[in-house]
Amino acid sequence: ESVIEILNKLAAQIKRTQDPATGVWYQVIDRSGDEGNYLESSCSTMFVYTLLKALRKGYICPSYMEVAKKGYEGLLTQFIEVDDKGVVSITKGCAVAGLGGKPVYRTGDYNYYITEKIRSNDAKAVGPFIMASLEWERLFQKNSCGTACE
C-alpha cells in the first residue's frame, strides 16, 4: 500500500468521525456521544492540516474540501480565544497521553484518555494550527487573476 492510499483511507475516517455540529473531533473519536468525552484541539488541528495540505497537493479527492473548511472554521470557533490584550490562545488540548509506563499507569482505556489533563497552548495543538492556517492561506489566497484559488 502506498502512502497516498493510506492517506486516502485516513481522510475517509477523518470525514466519518468529524463532529457534525462543530466541525472538529473528540478526544476519543469513535465515542463522541459518551460521557466525559470532549472536543480536543490537538487532534483537530492535525486532521485539518492533513486535509488542507493533501487537498492543495492533489493527494485526496476535492470533495474533502467541505470537511476541511468545516474543520478549520470549527478550530476558530471551538478552540481559539483572544483575551482583552489581544493575546491569542488555543484551548482544550490534551496535555499528554500515552501507553505503558512502569508500573503501568497509562492503560489506554477510555477512562484514561478522558481524564488526562487538558491545557491551553499545548505545542501539539499550536504547531499544527499554525501549519493548518498557512495551508488555508495558500489554498485561498488571491491568484494573479484576483480570484480565490480553490
C-alpha atoms as a PDB file:
ATOM      1  CA  GLU A   1       0.000   0.000   0.000  1.00  0.00           C
ATOM      2  CA  SER A   2       1.354   3.435  -0.899  1.00  0.00           C
ATOM      3  CA  VAL A   3       1.415   6.383   1.471  1.00  0.00           C
ATOM      4  CA  ILE A   4      -1.159   8.138  -0.737  1.00  0.00           C
ATOM      5  CA  GLU A   5      -3.504   5.144  -0.453  1.00  0.00           C
ATOM      6  CA  ILE A   6      -3.112   5.195   3.332  1.00  0.00           C
ATOM      7  CA  LEU A   7      -3.744   8.956   3.340  1.00  0.00           C
ATOM      8  CA  ASN A   8      -6.967   8.479   1.376  1.00  0.00           C
ATOM      9  CA  LYS A   9      -8.183   5.859   3.850  1.00  0.00           C
ATOM     10  CA  LEU A  10      -7.314   8.202   6.713  1.00  0.00           C
ATOM     11  CA  ALA A  11      -9.174  11.088   5.056  1.00  0.00           C
ATOM     12  CA  ALA A  12     -12.291   8.927   4.789  1.00  0.00           C
ATOM     13  CA  GLN A  13     -12.160   8.153   8.515  1.00  0.00           C
ATOM     14  CA  ILE A  14     -11.474  11.782   9.400  1.00  0.00           C
ATOM     15  CA  LYS A  15     -14.615  12.705   7.459  1.00  0.00           C
ATOM     16  CA  ARG A  16     -16.657   9.925   9.076  1.00  0.00           C
ATOM     17  CA  THR A  17     -15.719  10.939  12.630  1.00  0.00           C
ATOM     18  CA  GLN A  18     -15.982  14.741  12.253  1.00  0.00           C
ATOM     19  CA  ASP A  19     -18.491  16.184  14.706  1.00  0.00           C
ATOM     20  CA  PRO A  20     -21.331  17.462  12.508  1.00  0.00           C
ATOM     21  CA  ALA A  21     -22.282  20.271  14.889  1.00  0.00           C
ATOM     22  CA  THR A  22     -18.833  21.808  15.419  1.00  0.00           C
ATOM     23  CA  GLY A  23     -16.631  20.509  12.600  1.00  0.00           C
ATOM     24  CA  VAL A  24     -13.912  19.290  14.979  1.00  0.00           C
ATOM     25  CA  TRP A  25     -13.099  15.954  16.607  1.00  0.00           C
ATOM     26  CA  TYR A  26     -13.435  14.366  20.020  1.00  0.00           C
ATOM     27  CA  GLN A  27     -10.579  13.189  22.217  1.00  0.00           C
ATOM     28  CA  VAL A  28     -11.764   9.601  21.710  1.00  0.00           C
ATOM     29  CA  ILE A  29     -13.003   9.933  18.156  1.00  0.00           C
ATOM     30  CA  ASP A  30     -15.122   6.802  17.977  1.00  0.00           C
ATOM     31  CA  ARG A  31     -17.038   7.613  21.191  1.00  0.00           C
ATOM     32  CA  SER A  32     -18.308  11.125  20.511  1.00  0.00           C
ATOM     33  CA  GLY A  33     -21.536  10.846  22.498  1.00  0.00           C
ATOM     34  CA  ASP A  34     -20.066   9.247  25.589  1.00  0.00           C
ATOM     35  CA  GLU A  35     -19.977  10.934  28.976  1.00  0.00           C
ATOM     36  CA  GLY A  36     -16.734  12.760  29.676  1.00  0.00           C
ATOM     37  CA  ASN A  37     -15.525  12.858  26.090  1.00  0.00           C
ATOM     38  CA  TYR A  38     -14.668  16.340  24.839  1.00  0.00           C
ATOM     39  CA  LEU A  39     -13.769  18.234  21.689  1.00  0.00           C
ATOM     40  CA  GLU A  40      -9.968  18.219  21.562  1.00  0.00           C
ATOM     41  CA  SER A  41      -7.706  20.690  19.781  1.00  0.00           C
ATOM     42  CA  SER A  42      -4.511  18.768  19.021  1.00  0.00           C
ATOM     43  CA  CYS A  43      -6.153  16.000  17.002  1.00  0.00           C
ATOM     44  CA  SER A  44      -8.472  18.518  15.353  1.00  0.00           C
ATOM     45  CA  THR A  45      -5.627  20.796  14.250  1.00  0.00           C
ATOM     46  CA  MET A  46      -3.633  17.833  12.939  1.00  0.00           C
ATOM     47  CA  PHE A  47      -6.600  16.490  10.976  1.00  0.00           C
ATOM     48  CA  VAL A  48      -7.377  19.886   9.433  1.00  0.00           C
ATOM     49  CA  TYR A  49      -3.726  20.446   8.493  1.00  0.00           C
ATOM     50  CA  THR A  50      -3.546  16.999   6.916  1.00  0.00           C
ATOM     51  CA  LEU A  51      -6.678  17.555   4.843  1.00  0.00           C
ATOM     52  CA  LEU A  52      -5.725  21.052   3.691  1.00  0.00           C
ATOM     53  CA  LYS A  53      -2.218  20.085   2.621  1.00  0.00           C
ATOM     54  CA  ALA A  54      -3.412  16.891   0.931  1.00  0.00           C
ATOM     55  CA  LEU A  55      -6.033  18.901  -0.952  1.00  0.00           C
ATOM     56  CA  ARG A  56      -3.506  21.506  -2.055  1.00  0.00           C
ATOM     57  CA  LYS A  57      -1.121  18.822  -3.279  1.00  0.00           C
ATOM     58  CA  GLY A  58      -3.888  16.890  -5.037  1.00  0.00           C
ATOM     59  CA  TYR A  59      -3.414  13.747  -2.942  1.00  0.00           C
ATOM     60  CA  ILE A  60      -7.085  13.401  -1.969  1.00  0.00           C
ATOM     61  CA  CYS A  61     -10.391  13.990  -3.725  1.00  0.00           C
ATOM     62  CA  PRO A  62     -11.539  17.643  -3.896  1.00  0.00           C
ATOM     63  CA  SER A  63     -14.774  16.579  -2.191  1.00  0.00           C
ATOM     64  CA  TYR A  64     -12.862  16.653   1.115  1.00  0.00           C
ATOM     65  CA  MET A  65     -12.688  20.458   0.844  1.00  0.00           C
ATOM     66  CA  GLU A  66     -16.002  20.787   2.694  1.00  0.00           C
ATOM     67  CA  VAL A  67     -14.673  18.650   5.562  1.00  0.00           C
ATOM     68  CA  ALA A  68     -11.506  20.754   5.727  1.00  0.00           C
ATOM     69  CA  LYS A  69     -13.408  24.064   5.606  1.00  0.00           C
ATOM     70  CA  LYS A  70     -15.831  22.992   8.310  1.00  0.00           C
ATOM     71  CA  GLY A  71     -12.896  21.746  10.377  1.00  0.00           C
ATOM     72  CA  TYR A  72     -10.925  24.972  10.045  1.00  0.00           C
ATOM     73  CA  GLU A  73     -13.946  27.077  10.919  1.00  0.00           C
ATOM     74  CA  GLY A  74     -14.514  24.762  13.887  1.00  0.00           C
ATOM     75  CA  LEU A  75     -10.956  25.325  15.095  1.00  0.00           C
ATOM     76  CA  LEU A  76     -11.628  29.054  15.168  1.00  0.00           C
ATOM     77  CA  THR A  77     -14.973  28.826  16.953  1.00  0.00           C
ATOM     78  CA  GLN A  78     -14.270  25.964  19.362  1.00  0.00           C
ATOM     79  CA  PHE A  79     -10.657  26.479  20.427  1.00  0.00           C
ATOM     80  CA  ILE A  80      -9.293  29.939  19.587  1.00  0.00           C
ATOM     81  CA  GLU A  81      -9.669  32.602  22.259  1.00  0.00           C
ATOM     82  CA  VAL A  82      -8.403  36.178  22.212  1.00  0.00           C
ATOM     83  CA  ASP A  83      -8.077  37.971  25.540  1.00  0.00           C
ATOM     84  CA  ASP A  84      -8.659  41.673  26.165  1.00  0.00           C
ATOM     85  CA  LYS A  85      -4.988  42.409  25.368  1.00  0.00           C
ATOM     86  CA  GLY A  86      -5.204  40.642  22.018  1.00  0.00           C
ATOM     87  CA  VAL A  87      -3.295  37.543  23.106  1.00  0.00           C
ATOM     88  CA  VAL A  88      -4.425  34.519  21.123  1.00  0.00           C
ATOM     89  CA  SER A  89      -4.680  31.106  22.795  1.00  0.00           C
ATOM     90  CA  ILE A  90      -5.711  27.680  21.598  1.00  0.00           C
ATOM     91  CA  THR A  91      -7.659  25.789  24.250  1.00  0.00           C
ATOM     92  CA  LYS A  92      -8.731  22.233  25.076  1.00  0.00           C
ATOM     93  CA  GLY A  93      -5.550  20.366  24.230  1.00  0.00           C
ATOM     94  CA  CYS A  94      -4.754  17.065  25.878  1.00  0.00           C
ATOM     95  CA  ALA A  95      -1.545  17.697  27.812  1.00  0.00           C
ATOM     96  CA  VAL A  96      -0.203  14.179  27.357  1.00  0.00           C
ATOM     97  CA  ALA A  97      -1.438  10.703  26.632  1.00  0.00           C
ATOM     98  CA  GLY A  98       0.461   7.509  26.068  1.00  0.00           C
ATOM     99  CA  LEU A  99       0.670   3.860  26.893  1.00  0.00           C
ATOM    100  CA  GLY A 100       2.615   1.805  29.402  1.00  0.00           C
ATOM    101  CA  GLY A 101       4.987   3.145  31.991  1.00  0.00           C
ATOM    102  CA  LYS A 102       6.482   1.231  34.913  1.00  0.00           C
ATOM    103  CA  PRO A 103       4.461   0.346  36.784  1.00  0.00           C
ATOM    104  CA  VAL A 104       1.778   0.507  34.093  1.00  0.00           C
ATOM    105  CA  TYR A 105      -0.227   3.659  34.770  1.00  0.00           C
ATOM    106  CA  ARG A 106      -1.216   4.598  31.221  1.00  0.00           C
ATOM    107  CA  THR A 107      -3.770   1.930  30.431  1.00  0.00           C
ATOM    108  CA  GLY A 108      -5.044   3.302  27.129  1.00  0.00           C
ATOM    109  CA  ASP A 109      -8.668   2.680  28.058  1.00  0.00           C
ATOM    110  CA  TYR A 110     -11.475   5.202  27.587  1.00  0.00           C
ATOM    111  CA  ASN A 111     -11.326   6.497  31.161  1.00  0.00           C
ATOM    112  CA  TYR A 112      -7.588   7.103  30.888  1.00  0.00           C
ATOM    113  CA  TYR A 113      -7.929   9.251  27.771  1.00  0.00           C
ATOM    114  CA  ILE A 114     -10.794  11.396  29.058  1.00  0.00           C
ATOM    115  CA  THR A 115      -9.157  12.076  32.431  1.00  0.00           C
ATOM    116  CA  GLU A 116      -5.744  13.255  31.251  1.00  0.00           C
ATOM    117  CA  LYS A 117      -5.018  16.931  31.946  1.00  0.00           C
ATOM    118  CA  ILE A 118      -6.426  19.460  29.448  1.00  0.00           C
ATOM    119  CA  ARG A 119      -4.489  22.661  28.850  1.00  0.00           C
ATOM    120  CA  SER A 120      -4.215  25.691  26.614  1.00  0.00           C
ATOM    121  CA  ASN A 121      -1.402  26.441  24.179  1.00  0.00           C
ATOM    122  CA  ASP A 122      -0.047  22.919  24.097  1.00  0.00           C
ATOM    123  CA  ALA A 123       2.612  22.561  21.395  1.00  0.00           C
ATOM    124  CA  LYS A 124       0.741  19.588  19.900  1.00  0.00           C
ATOM    125  CA  ALA A 125      -2.108  21.981  19.064  1.00  0.00           C
ATOM    126  CA  VAL A 126      -0.241  25.246  18.439  1.00  0.00           C
ATOM    127  CA  GLY A 127       2.150  23.877  15.797  1.00  0.00           C
ATOM    128  CA  PRO A 128      -0.473  22.091  13.694  1.00  0.00           C
ATOM    129  CA  PHE A 129      -2.808  25.098  13.993  1.00  0.00           C
ATOM    130  CA  ILE A 130      -0.121  27.361  12.544  1.00  0.00           C
ATOM    131  CA  MET A 131       0.571  24.845   9.763  1.00  0.00           C
ATOM    132  CA  ALA A 132      -3.169  24.470   9.042  1.00  0.00           C
ATOM    133  CA  SER A 133      -3.515  28.257   8.892  1.00  0.00           C
ATOM    134  CA  LEU A 134      -0.642  28.503   6.422  1.00  0.00           C
ATOM    135  CA  GLU A 135      -2.243  25.829   4.244  1.00  0.00           C
ATOM    136  CA  TRP A 136      -5.571  27.682   4.499  1.00  0.00           C
ATOM    137  CA  GLU A 137      -3.879  30.864   3.284  1.00  0.00           C
ATOM    138  CA  ARG A 138      -2.151  29.044   0.427  1.00  0.00           C
ATOM    139  CA  LEU A 139      -5.403  27.462  -0.732  1.00  0.00           C
ATOM    140  CA  PHE A 140      -7.485  30.616  -0.576  1.00  0.00           C
ATOM    141  CA  GLN A 141      -5.024  33.390  -1.383  1.00  0.00           C
ATOM    142  CA  LYS A 142      -5.754  35.639  -4.333  1.00  0.00           C
ATOM    143  CA  ASN A 143      -4.120  34.483  -7.541  1.00  0.00           C
ATOM    144  CA  SER A 144      -2.878  36.762 -10.307  1.00  0.00           C
ATOM    145  CA  CYS A 145      -6.407  36.981 -11.765  1.00  0.00           C
ATOM    146  CA  GLY A 146      -7.770  38.317  -8.462  1.00  0.00           C
ATOM    147  CA  THR A 147      -9.912  35.269  -7.700  1.00  0.00           C
ATOM    148  CA  ALA A 148      -9.631  32.866  -4.800  1.00  0.00           C
ATOM    149  CA  CYS A 149      -7.797  29.630  -5.582  1.00  0.00           C
ATOM    150  CA  GLU A 150      -9.928  26.634  -4.694  1.00  0.00           C
END
